[in-house]
C-alpha atoms as a PDB file:
ATOM      1  CA  MET A   1      91.137 105.481  93.179  1.00  0.00           C
ATOM      2  CA  ALA A   2      90.309 105.200  97.660  1.00  0.00           C
ATOM      3  CA  TYR A   3      92.729 103.123  99.497  1.00  0.00           C
ATOM      4  CA  GLY A   4      91.379 101.338 101.925  1.00  0.00           C
ATOM      5  CA  ASP A   5      92.314  97.757 104.628  1.00  0.00           C
ATOM      6  CA  GLN A   6      96.452  98.172 105.803  1.00  0.00           C
ATOM      7  CA  LEU A   7      97.978  94.957 104.386  1.00  0.00           C
ATOM      8  CA  THR A   8     101.577  93.083 105.005  1.00  0.00           C
ATOM      9  CA  ILE A   9     102.683  90.523 102.232  1.00  0.00           C
ATOM     10  CA  ARG A  10     105.951  89.049 103.135  1.00  0.00           C
ATOM     11  CA  ASN A  11     108.708  87.257 101.747  1.00  0.00           C
ATOM     12  CA  ALA A  12     107.244  87.809  98.266  1.00  0.00           C
ATOM     13  CA  ARG A  13     108.382  87.882  95.184  1.00  0.00           C
ATOM     14  CA  ILE A  14     109.026  90.896  92.747  1.00  0.00           C
ATOM     15  CA  THR A  15     108.563  90.044  88.627  1.00  0.00           C
ATOM     16  CA  ASP A  16     109.454  90.836  85.395  1.00  0.00           C
ATOM     17  CA  PRO A  17     110.325  93.246  84.483  1.00  0.00           C
ATOM     18  CA  GLY A  18     111.209  94.152  88.513  1.00  0.00           C
ATOM     19  CA  VAL A  19     110.972  97.867  89.703  1.00  0.00           C
ATOM     20  CA  GLU A  20     109.705 100.490  87.581  1.00  0.00           C
ATOM     21  CA  LEU A  21     110.829 104.026  88.176  1.00  0.00           C
ATOM     22  CA  LYS A  22     107.701 106.827  86.564  1.00  0.00           C
ATOM     23  CA  THR A  23     107.327 110.269  86.895  1.00  0.00           C
ATOM     24  CA  SER A  24     103.285 111.109  87.305  1.00  0.00           C
ATOM     25  CA  LYS A  25     101.705 114.689  85.465  1.00  0.00           C
ATOM     26  CA  ALA A  26     102.428 116.725  88.287  1.00  0.00           C
ATOM     27  CA  GLY A  27     106.347 116.064  87.823  1.00  0.00           C
ATOM     28  CA  LYS A  28     106.195 113.422  91.374  1.00  0.00           C
ATOM     29  CA  GLU A  29     108.425 109.982  90.961  1.00  0.00           C
ATOM     30  CA  TYR A  30     106.501 107.046  91.758  1.00  0.00           C
ATOM     31  CA  ALA A  31     108.165 103.025  91.346  1.00  0.00           C
ATOM     32  CA  ASN A  32     105.844 100.914  90.848  1.00  0.00           C
ATOM     33  CA  PHE A  33     106.036  96.627  90.821  1.00  0.00           C
ATOM     34  CA  THR A  34     104.309  93.328  90.893  1.00  0.00           C
ATOM     35  CA  VAL A  35     104.715  90.081  93.451  1.00  0.00           C
ATOM     36  CA  MET A  36     103.946  87.320  93.420  1.00  0.00           C
ATOM     37  CA  TRP A  37     103.764  84.833  96.447  1.00  0.00           C
ATOM     38  CA  GLY A  38     101.712  81.310  96.723  1.00  0.00           C
ATOM     39  CA  THR A  39     100.956  79.294  99.656  1.00  0.00           C
ATOM     40  CA  SER A  40     100.495  75.481 100.570  1.00  0.00           C
ATOM     41  CA  LYS A  41      98.432  73.911 103.471  1.00  0.00           C
ATOM     42  CA  LYS A  42      98.727  70.410 104.517  1.00  0.00           C
ATOM     43  CA  ASN A  43      96.903  67.677 103.624  1.00  0.00           C
ATOM     44  CA  ARG A  44      95.405  65.972 106.359  1.00  0.00           C
ATOM     45  CA  ASP A  45      94.035  63.029 104.739  1.00  0.00           C
ATOM     46  CA  THR A  46      97.583  62.027 102.581  1.00  0.00           C
ATOM     47  CA  GLY A  47      99.941  63.883 104.608  1.00  0.00           C
ATOM     48  CA  SER A  48     101.400  66.012 102.442  1.00  0.00           C
ATOM     49  CA  TYR A  49     101.622  69.729 101.118  1.00  0.00           C
ATOM     50  CA  GLU A  50      99.100  71.085  98.697  1.00  0.00           C
ATOM     51  CA  ASN A  51     100.326  73.917  96.793  1.00  0.00           C
ATOM     52  CA  GLY A  52      97.375  77.008  96.338  1.00  0.00           C
ATOM     53  CA  PRO A  53      96.937  80.046  93.671  1.00  0.00           C
ATOM     54  CA  THR A  54      99.578  82.094  93.543  1.00  0.00           C
ATOM     55  CA  LYS A  55      98.975  85.213  93.825  1.00  0.00           C
ATOM     56  CA  PHE A  56      99.689  88.531  92.122  1.00  0.00           C
ATOM     57  CA  VAL A  57      99.421  92.386  93.998  1.00  0.00           C
ATOM     58  CA  ARG A  58     100.944  95.475  92.132  1.00  0.00           C
ATOM     59  CA  VAL A  59     102.343  97.589  94.188  1.00  0.00           C
ATOM     60  CA  THR A  60     102.737 101.433  93.979  1.00  0.00           C
ATOM     61  CA  VAL A  61     105.396 103.532  96.266  1.00  0.00           C
ATOM     62  CA  LEU A  62     105.530 107.408  96.494  1.00  0.00           C
ATOM     63  CA  GLY A  63     108.266 110.152  97.116  1.00  0.00           C
ATOM     64  CA  PHE A  64     111.719 109.624  98.462  1.00  0.00           C
ATOM     65  CA  ASP A  65     112.036 106.219  98.067  1.00  0.00           C
ATOM     66  CA  ALA A  66     110.233 105.623  94.866  1.00  0.00           C
ATOM     67  CA  GLN A  67     114.591 105.677  93.447  1.00  0.00           C
ATOM     68  CA  ASP A  68     116.541 104.130  96.470  1.00  0.00           C
ATOM     69  CA  ILE A  69     113.659 101.215  95.925  1.00  0.00           C
ATOM     70  CA  ALA A  70     114.274 101.209  91.570  1.00  0.00           C
ATOM     71  CA  SER A  71     117.396 101.177  91.910  1.00  0.00           C
ATOM     72  CA  ALA A  72     118.647  98.136  95.070  1.00  0.00           C
ATOM     73  CA  LEU A  73     115.563  96.281  93.455  1.00  0.00           C
ATOM     74  CA  ASN A  74     115.427  93.878  90.755  1.00  0.00           C
ATOM     75  CA  GLY A  75     112.554  90.717  89.525  1.00  0.00           C
ATOM     76  CA  GLY A  76     113.096  88.514  91.500  1.00  0.00           C
ATOM     77  CA  ASP A  77     113.868  89.656  94.640  1.00  0.00           C
ATOM     78  CA  ARG A  78     112.126  89.305  97.317  1.00  0.00           C
ATOM     79  CA  VAL A  79     110.549  91.220  99.663  1.00  0.00           C
ATOM     80  CA  ASP A  80     108.247  92.274 102.781  1.00  0.00           C
ATOM     81  CA  VAL A  81     105.808  95.187 101.335  1.00  0.00           C
ATOM     82  CA  THR A  82     103.137  96.719 104.118  1.00  0.00           C
ATOM     83  CA  GLY A  83     100.363  98.937 102.999  1.00  0.00           C
ATOM     84  CA  SER A  84      96.970  99.951 102.237  1.00  0.00           C
ATOM     85  CA  ILE A  85      94.983  97.651  99.668  1.00  0.00           C
ATOM     86  CA  GLU A  86      92.555  98.440  97.008  1.00  0.00           C
ATOM     87  CA  HIS A  87      90.455  96.259  94.374  1.00  0.00           C
ATOM     88  CA  THR A  88      89.162  97.422  91.348  1.00  0.00           C
ATOM     89  CA  THR A  89      87.635  95.712  88.941  1.00  0.00           C
ATOM     90  CA  PHE A  90      87.999  96.712  85.067  1.00  0.00           C
ATOM     91  CA  THR A  91      86.871  95.325  81.059  1.00  0.00           C
ATOM     92  CA  LYS A  92      89.915  93.416  79.570  1.00  0.00           C
ATOM     93  CA  LYS A  93      89.309  93.992  76.189  1.00  0.00           C
ATOM     94  CA  ASP A  94      88.003  91.508  75.239  1.00  0.00           C
ATOM     95  CA  GLY A  95      85.073  93.060  76.692  1.00  0.00           C
ATOM     96  CA  SER A  96      85.396  90.180  79.453  1.00  0.00           C
ATOM     97  CA  GLU A  97      85.300  91.530  83.411  1.00  0.00           C
ATOM     98  CA  GLY A  98      88.847  91.666  84.924  1.00  0.00           C
ATOM     99  CA  ASP A  99      90.204  92.194  88.447  1.00  0.00           C
ATOM    100  CA  SER A 100      93.249  93.976  90.060  1.00  0.00           C
ATOM    101  CA  TRP A 101      94.706  94.136  92.982  1.00  0.00           C
ATOM    102  CA  ASP A 102      96.910  97.403  94.065  1.00  0.00           C
ATOM    103  CA  LEU A 103      98.611  98.134  96.469  1.00  0.00           C
ATOM    104  CA  LEU A 104      99.856 101.582  97.922  1.00  0.00           C
ATOM    105  CA  ALA A 105     103.518 101.004  99.402  1.00  0.00           C
ATOM    106  CA  GLU A 106     103.887 102.604 103.243  1.00  0.00           C
ATOM    107  CA  ARG A 107     107.332 100.268 103.923  1.00  0.00           C
ATOM    108  CA  VAL A 108     109.516  97.619 101.499  1.00  0.00           C
ATOM    109  CA  THR A 109     111.756  95.517 103.369  1.00  0.00           C
ATOM    110  CA  LEU A 110     113.906  93.207 102.207  1.00  0.00           C
ATOM    111  CA  PRO A 111     112.225  90.302 104.424  1.00  0.00           C
ATOM    112  CA  VAL A 112     114.937  88.796 107.276  1.00  0.00           C
ATOM    113  CA  PRO A 113     116.688  85.378 106.431  1.00  0.00           C
ATOM    114  CA  ARG A 114     115.175  82.369 108.791  1.00  0.00           C
ATOM    115  CA  GLY A 115     118.205  80.982 110.886  1.00  0.00           C
ATOM    116  CA  GLY A 116     119.744  77.604 110.936  1.00  0.00           C
ATOM    117  CA  ASN A 117     120.337  76.729 106.989  1.00  0.00           C
ATOM    118  CA  GLY A 118     124.012  79.608 105.959  1.00  0.00           C
ATOM    119  CA  GLY A 119     124.131  82.913 106.274  1.00  0.00           C
ATOM    120  CA  GLN A 120     124.883  84.733 109.523  1.00  0.00           C
ATOM    121  CA  LYS A 121     124.121  84.118 113.212  1.00  0.00           C
ATOM    122  CA  SER A 122     123.355  87.747 114.158  1.00  0.00           C
ATOM    123  CA  GLY A 123     122.290  87.458 118.040  1.00  0.00           C
ATOM    124  CA  GLY A 124     118.258  85.727 117.920  1.00  0.00           C
ATOM    125  CA  PHE A 125     118.264  82.295 117.711  1.00  0.00           C
ATOM    126  CA  GLY A 126     120.819  80.067 117.646  1.00  0.00           C
ATOM    127  CA  ALA A 127     123.092  82.164 119.080  1.00  0.00           C
ATOM    128  CA  SER A 128     126.106  81.570 121.805  1.00  0.00           C
ATOM    129  CA  PRO A 129     124.643  82.454 125.633  1.00  0.00           C
ATOM    130  CA  ALA A 130     126.776  84.851 125.977  1.00  0.00           C
ATOM    131  CA  ALA A 131     126.478  86.788 123.042  1.00  0.00           C
ATOM    132  CA  ASP A 132     122.853  87.323 123.669  1.00  0.00           C
ATOM    133  CA  PRO A 133     121.657  89.470 126.408  1.00  0.00           C
ATOM    134  CA  PHE A 134     118.053  87.933 126.410  1.00  0.00           C
ATOM    135  CA  SER A 135     119.597  84.112 126.470  1.00  0.00           C
ATOM    136  CA  GLU A 136     117.957  84.008 130.498  1.00  0.00           C
ATOM    137  CA  GLN A 137     114.500  85.263 128.624  1.00  0.00           C
ATOM    138  CA  THR A 138     112.191  81.803 128.241  1.00  0.00           C
ATOM    139  CA  PRO A 139     112.054  81.398 124.179  1.00  0.00           C
ATOM    140  CA  PHE A 140     108.608  81.940 122.907  1.00  0.00           C
END
């Protein structure tokens, strides 16, 4: 399978059963897991937000990171994933056609918490001017 376009998925949830650590026929370890996320947009007519479809992508992590990912992450955890995405189609057992999105991960990280409601403040937005060396700069 040839992977193509780069994609970053932010704040996606790992589905159950979580991360599975496997070994290839060549003896190399890799980790597999599926992430899911959804989007919403504001309806201009009603002013309320409407949820879009839930999206699922199967993620593969190769090399040294596979063991770390498998031991550190569980189903339900949120992650940011960057890598190369590939779309494939296949024939299901019932004869109908299915499709799959697979991402060969280059980076898997935990999302940066949003400031404001709970959480620790560690610089950036919400920090006191005396503790923030960039306080003189205009905020974005």
